[in-house]
mmCIF file of all heavy atoms, coordinates in Angstrom:
data_MODEL
# 
_entry.id   MODEL 
# 
loop_
_atom_site.group_PDB 
_atom_site.id 
_atom_site.type_symbol 
_atom_site.label_atom_id 
_atom_site.label_alt_id 
_atom_site.label_comp_id 
_atom_site.label_asym_id 
_atom_site.label_entity_id 
_atom_site.label_seq_id 
_atom_site.pdbx_PDB_ins_code 
_atom_site.Cartn_x 
_atom_site.Cartn_y 
_atom_site.Cartn_z 
_atom_site.occupancy 
_atom_site.B_iso_or_equiv 
_atom_site.pdbx_formal_charge 
_atom_site.auth_seq_id 
_atom_site.auth_comp_id 
_atom_site.auth_asym_id 
_atom_site.auth_atom_id 
_atom_site.pdbx_PDB_model_num 
ATOM 1   N N   . TYR A 1 1  ? 0.844   -1.162  -0.022  1.00 0.00 ? 1  TYR A N   1 
ATOM 2   C CA  . TYR A 1 1  ? -0.004  -0.027  0.025   1.00 0.00 ? 1  TYR A CA  1 
ATOM 3   C C   . TYR A 1 1  ? 0.852   1.241   -0.079  1.00 0.00 ? 1  TYR A C   1 
ATOM 4   O O   . TYR A 1 1  ? 0.635   2.241   -0.718  1.00 0.00 ? 1  TYR A O   1 
ATOM 5   C CB  . TYR A 1 1  ? -0.844  -0.023  1.231   1.00 0.00 ? 1  TYR A CB  1 
ATOM 6   C CG  . TYR A 1 1  ? -1.871  1.179   1.264   1.00 0.00 ? 1  TYR A CG  1 
ATOM 7   C CD1 . TYR A 1 1  ? -2.961  1.221   0.411   1.00 0.00 ? 1  TYR A CD1 1 
ATOM 8   C CD2 . TYR A 1 1  ? -1.768  2.129   2.279   1.00 0.00 ? 1  TYR A CD2 1 
ATOM 9   C CE1 . TYR A 1 1  ? -3.847  2.261   0.559   1.00 0.00 ? 1  TYR A CE1 1 
ATOM 10  C CE2 . TYR A 1 1  ? -2.553  3.236   2.421   1.00 0.00 ? 1  TYR A CE2 1 
ATOM 11  C CZ  . TYR A 1 1  ? -3.659  3.285   1.444   1.00 0.00 ? 1  TYR A CZ  1 
ATOM 12  O OH  . TYR A 1 1  ? -4.431  4.335   1.582   1.00 0.00 ? 1  TYR A OH  1 
ATOM 13  N N   . ARG A 1 2  ? 1.881   1.312   0.847   1.00 0.00 ? 2  ARG A N   1 
ATOM 14  C CA  . ARG A 1 2  ? 2.803   2.463   0.933   1.00 0.00 ? 2  ARG A CA  1 
ATOM 15  C C   . ARG A 1 2  ? 3.484   2.695   -0.314  1.00 0.00 ? 2  ARG A C   1 
ATOM 16  O O   . ARG A 1 2  ? 3.758   3.827   -0.731  1.00 0.00 ? 2  ARG A O   1 
ATOM 17  C CB  . ARG A 1 2  ? 3.782   2.207   2.069   1.00 0.00 ? 2  ARG A CB  1 
ATOM 18  C CG  . ARG A 1 2  ? 4.685   3.352   2.414   1.00 0.00 ? 2  ARG A CG  1 
ATOM 19  C CD  . ARG A 1 2  ? 5.880   3.026   3.208   1.00 0.00 ? 2  ARG A CD  1 
ATOM 20  N NE  . ARG A 1 2  ? 6.620   1.959   2.539   1.00 0.00 ? 2  ARG A NE  1 
ATOM 21  C CZ  . ARG A 1 2  ? 7.343   1.016   3.137   1.00 0.00 ? 2  ARG A CZ  1 
ATOM 22  N NH1 . ARG A 1 2  ? 7.341   0.939   4.395   1.00 0.00 ? 2  ARG A NH1 1 
ATOM 23  N NH2 . ARG A 1 2  ? 7.876   0.056   2.393   1.00 0.00 ? 2  ARG A NH2 1 
ATOM 24  N N   . ASP A 1 3  ? 3.884   1.730   -0.982  1.00 0.00 ? 3  ASP A N   1 
ATOM 25  C CA  . ASP A 1 3  ? 4.600   1.775   -2.265  1.00 0.00 ? 3  ASP A CA  1 
ATOM 26  C C   . ASP A 1 3  ? 3.670   2.307   -3.409  1.00 0.00 ? 3  ASP A C   1 
ATOM 27  O O   . ASP A 1 3  ? 4.210   2.942   -4.298  1.00 0.00 ? 3  ASP A O   1 
ATOM 28  C CB  . ASP A 1 3  ? 5.265   0.456   -2.753  1.00 0.00 ? 3  ASP A CB  1 
ATOM 29  C CG  . ASP A 1 3  ? 6.364   0.041   -1.821  1.00 0.00 ? 3  ASP A CG  1 
ATOM 30  O OD1 . ASP A 1 3  ? 6.914   0.848   -1.077  1.00 0.00 ? 3  ASP A OD1 1 
ATOM 31  O OD2 . ASP A 1 3  ? 6.751   -1.143  -1.893  1.00 0.00 ? 3  ASP A OD2 1 
ATOM 32  N N   . ALA A 1 4  ? 2.397   2.120   -3.299  1.00 0.00 ? 4  ALA A N   1 
ATOM 33  C CA  . ALA A 1 4  ? 1.544   2.547   -4.341  1.00 0.00 ? 4  ALA A CA  1 
ATOM 34  C C   . ALA A 1 4  ? 1.001   3.932   -4.051  1.00 0.00 ? 4  ALA A C   1 
ATOM 35  O O   . ALA A 1 4  ? 0.604   4.648   -4.878  1.00 0.00 ? 4  ALA A O   1 
ATOM 36  C CB  . ALA A 1 4  ? 0.340   1.622   -4.460  1.00 0.00 ? 4  ALA A CB  1 
ATOM 37  N N   . VAL A 1 5  ? 0.911   4.281   -2.734  1.00 0.00 ? 5  VAL A N   1 
ATOM 38  C CA  . VAL A 1 5  ? 0.281   5.560   -2.367  1.00 0.00 ? 5  VAL A CA  1 
ATOM 39  C C   . VAL A 1 5  ? 1.288   6.392   -1.724  1.00 0.00 ? 5  VAL A C   1 
ATOM 40  O O   . VAL A 1 5  ? 1.892   6.038   -0.708  1.00 0.00 ? 5  VAL A O   1 
ATOM 41  C CB  . VAL A 1 5  ? -0.929  5.259   -1.423  1.00 0.00 ? 5  VAL A CB  1 
ATOM 42  C CG1 . VAL A 1 5  ? -1.561  6.421   -0.953  1.00 0.00 ? 5  VAL A CG1 1 
ATOM 43  C CG2 . VAL A 1 5  ? -1.858  4.292   -2.037  1.00 0.00 ? 5  VAL A CG2 1 
ATOM 44  N N   . ALA A 1 6  ? 1.471   7.631   -2.138  1.00 0.00 ? 6  ALA A N   1 
ATOM 45  C CA  . ALA A 1 6  ? 2.416   8.538   -1.625  1.00 0.00 ? 6  ALA A CA  1 
ATOM 46  C C   . ALA A 1 6  ? 2.193   8.913   -0.120  1.00 0.00 ? 6  ALA A C   1 
ATOM 47  O O   . ALA A 1 6  ? 3.065   8.964   0.671   1.00 0.00 ? 6  ALA A O   1 
ATOM 48  C CB  . ALA A 1 6  ? 2.537   9.802   -2.430  1.00 0.00 ? 6  ALA A CB  1 
ATOM 49  N N   . PHE A 1 7  ? 0.964   9.202   0.210   1.00 0.00 ? 7  PHE A N   1 
ATOM 50  C CA  . PHE A 1 7  ? 0.591   9.708   1.634   1.00 0.00 ? 7  PHE A CA  1 
ATOM 51  C C   . PHE A 1 7  ? -0.409  8.737   2.090   1.00 0.00 ? 7  PHE A C   1 
ATOM 52  O O   . PHE A 1 7  ? -1.670  9.091   2.078   1.00 0.00 ? 7  PHE A O   1 
ATOM 53  C CB  . PHE A 1 7  ? 0.198   11.082  1.551   1.00 0.00 ? 7  PHE A CB  1 
ATOM 54  C CG  . PHE A 1 7  ? 1.273   12.009  1.069   1.00 0.00 ? 7  PHE A CG  1 
ATOM 55  C CD1 . PHE A 1 7  ? 1.163   12.546  -0.270  1.00 0.00 ? 7  PHE A CD1 1 
ATOM 56  C CD2 . PHE A 1 7  ? 2.328   12.461  1.875   1.00 0.00 ? 7  PHE A CD2 1 
ATOM 57  C CE1 . PHE A 1 7  ? 2.001   13.437  -0.689  1.00 0.00 ? 7  PHE A CE1 1 
ATOM 58  C CE2 . PHE A 1 7  ? 3.272   13.311  1.363   1.00 0.00 ? 7  PHE A CE2 1 
ATOM 59  C CZ  . PHE A 1 7  ? 3.194   13.811  0.038   1.00 0.00 ? 7  PHE A CZ  1 
ATOM 60  N N   . PRO A 1 8  ? -0.115  7.470   2.613   1.00 0.00 ? 8  PRO A N   1 
ATOM 61  C CA  . PRO A 1 8  ? -1.109  6.558   2.969   1.00 0.00 ? 8  PRO A CA  1 
ATOM 62  C C   . PRO A 1 8  ? -2.076  6.990   3.983   1.00 0.00 ? 8  PRO A C   1 
ATOM 63  O O   . PRO A 1 8  ? -3.279  6.675   3.934   1.00 0.00 ? 8  PRO A O   1 
ATOM 64  C CB  . PRO A 1 8  ? -0.379  5.350   3.391   1.00 0.00 ? 8  PRO A CB  1 
ATOM 65  C CG  . PRO A 1 8  ? 1.088   5.696   3.295   1.00 0.00 ? 8  PRO A CG  1 
ATOM 66  C CD  . PRO A 1 8  ? 1.245   7.037   2.706   1.00 0.00 ? 8  PRO A CD  1 
ATOM 67  N N   . GLY A 1 9  ? -1.581  7.691   5.076   1.00 0.00 ? 9  GLY A N   1 
ATOM 68  C CA  . GLY A 1 9  ? -2.465  8.252   6.068   1.00 0.00 ? 9  GLY A CA  1 
ATOM 69  C C   . GLY A 1 9  ? -3.559  9.128   5.573   1.00 0.00 ? 9  GLY A C   1 
ATOM 70  O O   . GLY A 1 9  ? -4.746  8.954   6.002   1.00 0.00 ? 9  GLY A O   1 
ATOM 71  N N   . ILE A 1 10 ? -3.211  10.029  4.610   1.00 0.00 ? 10 ILE A N   1 
ATOM 72  C CA  . ILE A 1 10 ? -4.128  10.991  4.115   1.00 0.00 ? 10 ILE A CA  1 
ATOM 73  C C   . ILE A 1 10 ? -5.128  10.258  3.147   1.00 0.00 ? 10 ILE A C   1 
ATOM 74  O O   . ILE A 1 10 ? -6.312  10.429  3.293   1.00 0.00 ? 10 ILE A O   1 
ATOM 75  C CB  . ILE A 1 10 ? -3.446  12.175  3.492   1.00 0.00 ? 10 ILE A CB  1 
ATOM 76  C CG1 . ILE A 1 10 ? -2.573  12.970  4.380   1.00 0.00 ? 10 ILE A CG1 1 
ATOM 77  C CG2 . ILE A 1 10 ? -4.416  13.054  2.713   1.00 0.00 ? 10 ILE A CG2 1 
ATOM 78  C CD1 . ILE A 1 10 ? -1.690  13.857  3.804   1.00 0.00 ? 10 ILE A CD1 1 
ATOM 79  N N   . VAL A 1 11 ? -4.544  9.573   2.206   1.00 0.00 ? 11 VAL A N   1 
ATOM 80  C CA  . VAL A 1 11 ? -5.345  8.839   1.278   1.00 0.00 ? 11 VAL A CA  1 
ATOM 81  C C   . VAL A 1 11 ? -6.444  7.891   1.818   1.00 0.00 ? 11 VAL A C   1 
ATOM 82  O O   . VAL A 1 11 ? -7.480  7.852   1.368   1.00 0.00 ? 11 VAL A O   1 
ATOM 83  C CB  . VAL A 1 11 ? -4.397  8.109   0.220   1.00 0.00 ? 11 VAL A CB  1 
ATOM 84  C CG1 . VAL A 1 11 ? -5.257  7.208   -0.726  1.00 0.00 ? 11 VAL A CG1 1 
ATOM 85  C CG2 . VAL A 1 11 ? -3.632  9.165   -0.600  1.00 0.00 ? 11 VAL A CG2 1 
ATOM 86  N N   . SER A 1 12 ? -6.012  7.147   2.878   1.00 0.00 ? 12 SER A N   1 
ATOM 87  C CA  . SER A 1 12 ? -6.919  6.165   3.392   1.00 0.00 ? 12 SER A CA  1 
ATOM 88  C C   . SER A 1 12 ? -8.222  6.852   3.974   1.00 0.00 ? 12 SER A C   1 
ATOM 89  O O   . SER A 1 12 ? -9.164  6.388   4.207   1.00 0.00 ? 12 SER A O   1 
ATOM 90  C CB  . SER A 1 12 ? -6.257  5.403   4.543   1.00 0.00 ? 12 SER A CB  1 
ATOM 91  O OG  . SER A 1 12 ? -5.873  6.211   5.591   1.00 0.00 ? 12 SER A OG  1 
ATOM 92  N N   . GLN A 1 13 ? -7.953  8.092   4.480   1.00 0.00 ? 13 GLN A N   1 
ATOM 93  C CA  . GLN A 1 13 ? -9.148  8.912   4.885   1.00 0.00 ? 13 GLN A CA  1 
ATOM 94  C C   . GLN A 1 13 ? -9.909  9.508   3.804   1.00 0.00 ? 13 GLN A C   1 
ATOM 95  O O   . GLN A 1 13 ? -11.152 9.849   4.029   1.00 0.00 ? 13 GLN A O   1 
ATOM 96  C CB  . GLN A 1 13 ? -8.548  10.054  5.827   1.00 0.00 ? 13 GLN A CB  1 
ATOM 97  C CG  . GLN A 1 13 ? -7.853  9.566   7.061   1.00 0.00 ? 13 GLN A CG  1 
ATOM 98  C CD  . GLN A 1 13 ? -8.782  8.689   7.915   1.00 0.00 ? 13 GLN A CD  1 
ATOM 99  O OE1 . GLN A 1 13 ? -9.911  9.099   8.215   1.00 0.00 ? 13 GLN A OE1 1 
ATOM 100 N NE2 . GLN A 1 13 ? -8.268  7.558   8.432   1.00 0.00 ? 13 GLN A NE2 1 
ATOM 101 N N   . LEU A 1 14 ? -9.356  9.814   2.647   1.00 0.00 ? 14 LEU A N   1 
ATOM 102 C CA  . LEU A 1 14 ? -10.084 10.603  1.586   1.00 0.00 ? 14 LEU A CA  1 
ATOM 103 C C   . LEU A 1 14 ? -10.657 9.650   0.506   1.00 0.00 ? 14 LEU A C   1 
ATOM 104 O O   . LEU A 1 14 ? -11.374 10.031  -0.290  1.00 0.00 ? 14 LEU A O   1 
ATOM 105 C CB  . LEU A 1 14 ? -9.167  11.593  1.005   1.00 0.00 ? 14 LEU A CB  1 
ATOM 106 C CG  . LEU A 1 14 ? -8.643  12.634  1.946   1.00 0.00 ? 14 LEU A CG  1 
ATOM 107 C CD1 . LEU A 1 14 ? -7.596  13.579  1.210   1.00 0.00 ? 14 LEU A CD1 1 
ATOM 108 C CD2 . LEU A 1 14 ? -9.807  13.430  2.440   1.00 0.00 ? 14 LEU A CD2 1 
ATOM 109 N N   . CYS A 1 15 ? -10.103 8.421   0.356   1.00 0.00 ? 15 CYS A N   1 
ATOM 110 C CA  . CYS A 1 15 ? -10.405 7.529   -0.821  1.00 0.00 ? 15 CYS A CA  1 
ATOM 111 C C   . CYS A 1 15 ? -11.922 7.103   -0.734  1.00 0.00 ? 15 CYS A C   1 
ATOM 112 O O   . CYS A 1 15 ? -12.350 6.708   0.345   1.00 0.00 ? 15 CYS A O   1 
ATOM 113 C CB  . CYS A 1 15 ? -9.502  6.266   -0.709  1.00 0.00 ? 15 CYS A CB  1 
ATOM 114 S SG  . CYS A 1 15 ? -9.845  5.177   -2.129  1.00 0.00 ? 15 CYS A SG  1 
ATOM 115 N N   . ASP A 1 16 ? -12.539 7.230   -1.849  1.00 0.00 ? 16 ASP A N   1 
ATOM 116 C CA  . ASP A 1 16 ? -13.974 6.894   -1.920  1.00 0.00 ? 16 ASP A CA  1 
ATOM 117 C C   . ASP A 1 16 ? -14.189 5.399   -2.348  1.00 0.00 ? 16 ASP A C   1 
ATOM 118 O O   . ASP A 1 16 ? -15.190 4.954   -2.532  1.00 0.00 ? 16 ASP A O   1 
ATOM 119 C CB  . ASP A 1 16 ? -14.722 7.708   -2.851  1.00 0.00 ? 16 ASP A CB  1 
ATOM 120 C CG  . ASP A 1 16 ? -14.268 7.760   -4.252  1.00 0.00 ? 16 ASP A CG  1 
ATOM 121 O OD1 . ASP A 1 16 ? -13.250 7.124   -4.517  1.00 0.00 ? 16 ASP A OD1 1 
ATOM 122 O OD2 . ASP A 1 16 ? -14.958 8.425   -5.198  1.00 0.00 ? 16 ASP A OD2 1 
ATOM 123 N N   . ARG A 1 17 ? -13.069 4.682   -2.350  1.00 0.00 ? 17 ARG A N   1 
ATOM 124 C CA  . ARG A 1 17 ? -13.027 3.204   -2.603  1.00 0.00 ? 17 ARG A CA  1 
ATOM 125 C C   . ARG A 1 17 ? -13.858 2.800   -3.852  1.00 0.00 ? 17 ARG A C   1 
ATOM 126 O O   . ARG A 1 17 ? -14.682 2.019   -3.833  1.00 0.00 ? 17 ARG A O   1 
ATOM 127 C CB  . ARG A 1 17 ? -13.536 2.476   -1.454  1.00 0.00 ? 17 ARG A CB  1 
ATOM 128 C CG  . ARG A 1 17 ? -12.757 2.717   -0.146  1.00 0.00 ? 17 ARG A CG  1 
ATOM 129 C CD  . ARG A 1 17 ? -13.275 1.991   1.016   1.00 0.00 ? 17 ARG A CD  1 
ATOM 130 N NE  . ARG A 1 17 ? -14.512 2.776   1.456   1.00 0.00 ? 17 ARG A NE  1 
ATOM 131 C CZ  . ARG A 1 17 ? -14.769 3.027   2.635   1.00 0.00 ? 17 ARG A CZ  1 
ATOM 132 N NH1 . ARG A 1 17 ? -13.980 2.596   3.641   1.00 0.00 ? 17 ARG A NH1 1 
ATOM 133 N NH2 . ARG A 1 17 ? -15.812 3.745   2.983   1.00 0.00 ? 17 ARG A NH2 1 
ATOM 134 N N   . PRO A 1 18 ? -13.381 3.254   -5.054  1.00 0.00 ? 18 PRO A N   1 
ATOM 135 C CA  . PRO A 1 18 ? -13.996 2.926   -6.299  1.00 0.00 ? 18 PRO A CA  1 
ATOM 136 C C   . PRO A 1 18 ? -13.834 1.400   -6.522  1.00 0.00 ? 18 PRO A C   1 
ATOM 137 O O   . PRO A 1 18 ? -14.636 0.875   -7.223  1.00 0.00 ? 18 PRO A O   1 
ATOM 138 C CB  . PRO A 1 18 ? -13.354 3.688   -7.333  1.00 0.00 ? 18 PRO A CB  1 
ATOM 139 C CG  . PRO A 1 18 ? -11.982 4.010   -6.785  1.00 0.00 ? 18 PRO A CG  1 
ATOM 140 C CD  . PRO A 1 18 ? -12.173 4.222   -5.338  1.00 0.00 ? 18 PRO A CD  1 
ATOM 141 N N   . CYS A 1 19 ? -12.793 0.790   -5.928  1.00 0.00 ? 19 CYS A N   1 
ATOM 142 C CA  . CYS A 1 19 ? -12.616 -0.706  -6.109  1.00 0.00 ? 19 CYS A CA  1 
ATOM 143 C C   . CYS A 1 19 ? -13.839 -1.501  -5.562  1.00 0.00 ? 19 CYS A C   1 
ATOM 144 O O   . CYS A 1 19 ? -14.178 -2.549  -6.140  1.00 0.00 ? 19 CYS A O   1 
ATOM 145 C CB  . CYS A 1 19 ? -11.376 -1.078  -5.308  1.00 0.00 ? 19 CYS A CB  1 
ATOM 146 S SG  . CYS A 1 19 ? -11.297 -0.614  -3.655  1.00 0.00 ? 19 CYS A SG  1 
ATOM 147 N N   . ARG A 1 20 ? -14.513 -1.009  -4.619  1.00 0.00 ? 20 ARG A N   1 
ATOM 148 C CA  . ARG A 1 20 ? -15.645 -1.751  -4.036  1.00 0.00 ? 20 ARG A CA  1 
ATOM 149 C C   . ARG A 1 20 ? -16.766 -1.864  -5.036  1.00 0.00 ? 20 ARG A C   1 
ATOM 150 O O   . ARG A 1 20 ? -17.461 -2.805  -5.080  1.00 0.00 ? 20 ARG A O   1 
ATOM 151 C CB  . ARG A 1 20 ? -16.192 -1.076  -2.725  1.00 0.00 ? 20 ARG A CB  1 
ATOM 152 C CG  . ARG A 1 20 ? -15.363 -1.370  -1.602  1.00 0.00 ? 20 ARG A CG  1 
ATOM 153 C CD  . ARG A 1 20 ? -16.079 -0.849  -0.388  1.00 0.00 ? 20 ARG A CD  1 
ATOM 154 N NE  . ARG A 1 20 ? -15.331 -1.125  0.949   1.00 0.00 ? 20 ARG A NE  1 
ATOM 155 C CZ  . ARG A 1 20 ? -15.698 -0.991  2.075   1.00 0.00 ? 20 ARG A CZ  1 
ATOM 156 N NH1 . ARG A 1 20 ? -16.857 -0.320  2.295   1.00 0.00 ? 20 ARG A NH1 1 
ATOM 157 N NH2 . ARG A 1 20 ? -15.054 -1.313  3.013   1.00 0.00 ? 20 ARG A NH2 1 
ATOM 158 N N   . ASP A 1 21 ? -16.999 -0.734  -5.791  1.00 0.00 ? 21 ASP A N   1 
ATOM 159 C CA  . ASP A 1 21 ? -18.052 -0.818  -6.763  1.00 0.00 ? 21 ASP A CA  1 
ATOM 160 C C   . ASP A 1 21 ? -17.784 -1.738  -7.983  1.00 0.00 ? 21 ASP A C   1 
ATOM 161 O O   . ASP A 1 21 ? -18.710 -2.088  -8.633  1.00 0.00 ? 21 ASP A O   1 
ATOM 162 C CB  . ASP A 1 21 ? -18.255 0.615   -7.328  1.00 0.00 ? 21 ASP A CB  1 
ATOM 163 C CG  . ASP A 1 21 ? -18.788 1.584   -6.194  1.00 0.00 ? 21 ASP A CG  1 
ATOM 164 O OD1 . ASP A 1 21 ? -19.369 1.121   -5.268  1.00 0.00 ? 21 ASP A OD1 1 
ATOM 165 O OD2 . ASP A 1 21 ? -18.468 2.755   -6.329  1.00 0.00 ? 21 ASP A OD2 1 
ATOM 166 N N   . THR A 1 22 ? -16.478 -2.081  -8.280  1.00 0.00 ? 22 THR A N   1 
ATOM 167 C CA  . THR A 1 22 ? -16.209 -2.872  -9.366  1.00 0.00 ? 22 THR A CA  1 
ATOM 168 C C   . THR A 1 22 ? -15.791 -4.317  -8.979  1.00 0.00 ? 22 THR A C   1 
ATOM 169 O O   . THR A 1 22 ? -15.509 -5.171  -9.818  1.00 0.00 ? 22 THR A O   1 
ATOM 170 C CB  . THR A 1 22 ? -15.046 -2.252  -10.191 1.00 0.00 ? 22 THR A CB  1 
ATOM 171 O OG1 . THR A 1 22 ? -13.992 -2.146  -9.384  1.00 0.00 ? 22 THR A OG1 1 
ATOM 172 C CG2 . THR A 1 22 ? -15.540 -0.906  -10.779 1.00 0.00 ? 22 THR A CG2 1 
ATOM 173 N N   . CYS A 1 23 ? -15.866 -4.685  -7.717  1.00 0.00 ? 23 CYS A N   1 
ATOM 174 C CA  . CYS A 1 23 ? -15.341 -5.951  -7.210  1.00 0.00 ? 23 CYS A CA  1 
ATOM 175 C C   . CYS A 1 23 ? -16.407 -6.994  -7.597  1.00 0.00 ? 23 CYS A C   1 
ATOM 176 O O   . CYS A 1 23 ? -17.526 -6.928  -7.328  1.00 0.00 ? 23 CYS A O   1 
ATOM 177 C CB  . CYS A 1 23 ? -15.147 -5.950  -5.752  1.00 0.00 ? 23 CYS A CB  1 
ATOM 178 S SG  . CYS A 1 23 ? -14.696 -7.486  -4.991  1.00 0.00 ? 23 CYS A SG  1 
ATOM 179 N N   . VAL A 1 24 ? -15.779 -7.927  -8.318  1.00 0.00 ? 24 VAL A N   1 
ATOM 180 C CA  . VAL A 1 24 ? -16.661 -9.151  -8.797  1.00 0.00 ? 24 VAL A CA  1 
ATOM 181 C C   . VAL A 1 24 ? -17.117 -10.023 -7.640  1.00 0.00 ? 24 VAL A C   1 
ATOM 182 O O   . VAL A 1 24 ? -18.109 -10.646 -7.632  1.00 0.00 ? 24 VAL A O   1 
ATOM 183 C CB  . VAL A 1 24 ? -16.017 -9.973  -9.912  1.00 0.00 ? 24 VAL A CB  1 
ATOM 184 C CG1 . VAL A 1 24 ? -15.874 -9.118  -11.184 1.00 0.00 ? 24 VAL A CG1 1 
ATOM 185 C CG2 . VAL A 1 24 ? -14.784 -10.499 -9.448  1.00 0.00 ? 24 VAL A CG2 1 
# 
């Protein structure tokens, strides 16, 4: 996660989780 996301603490609070909508 840290390698993919520059600021993990901030992003984890702001991400609207588009992955959930597309998860099969």
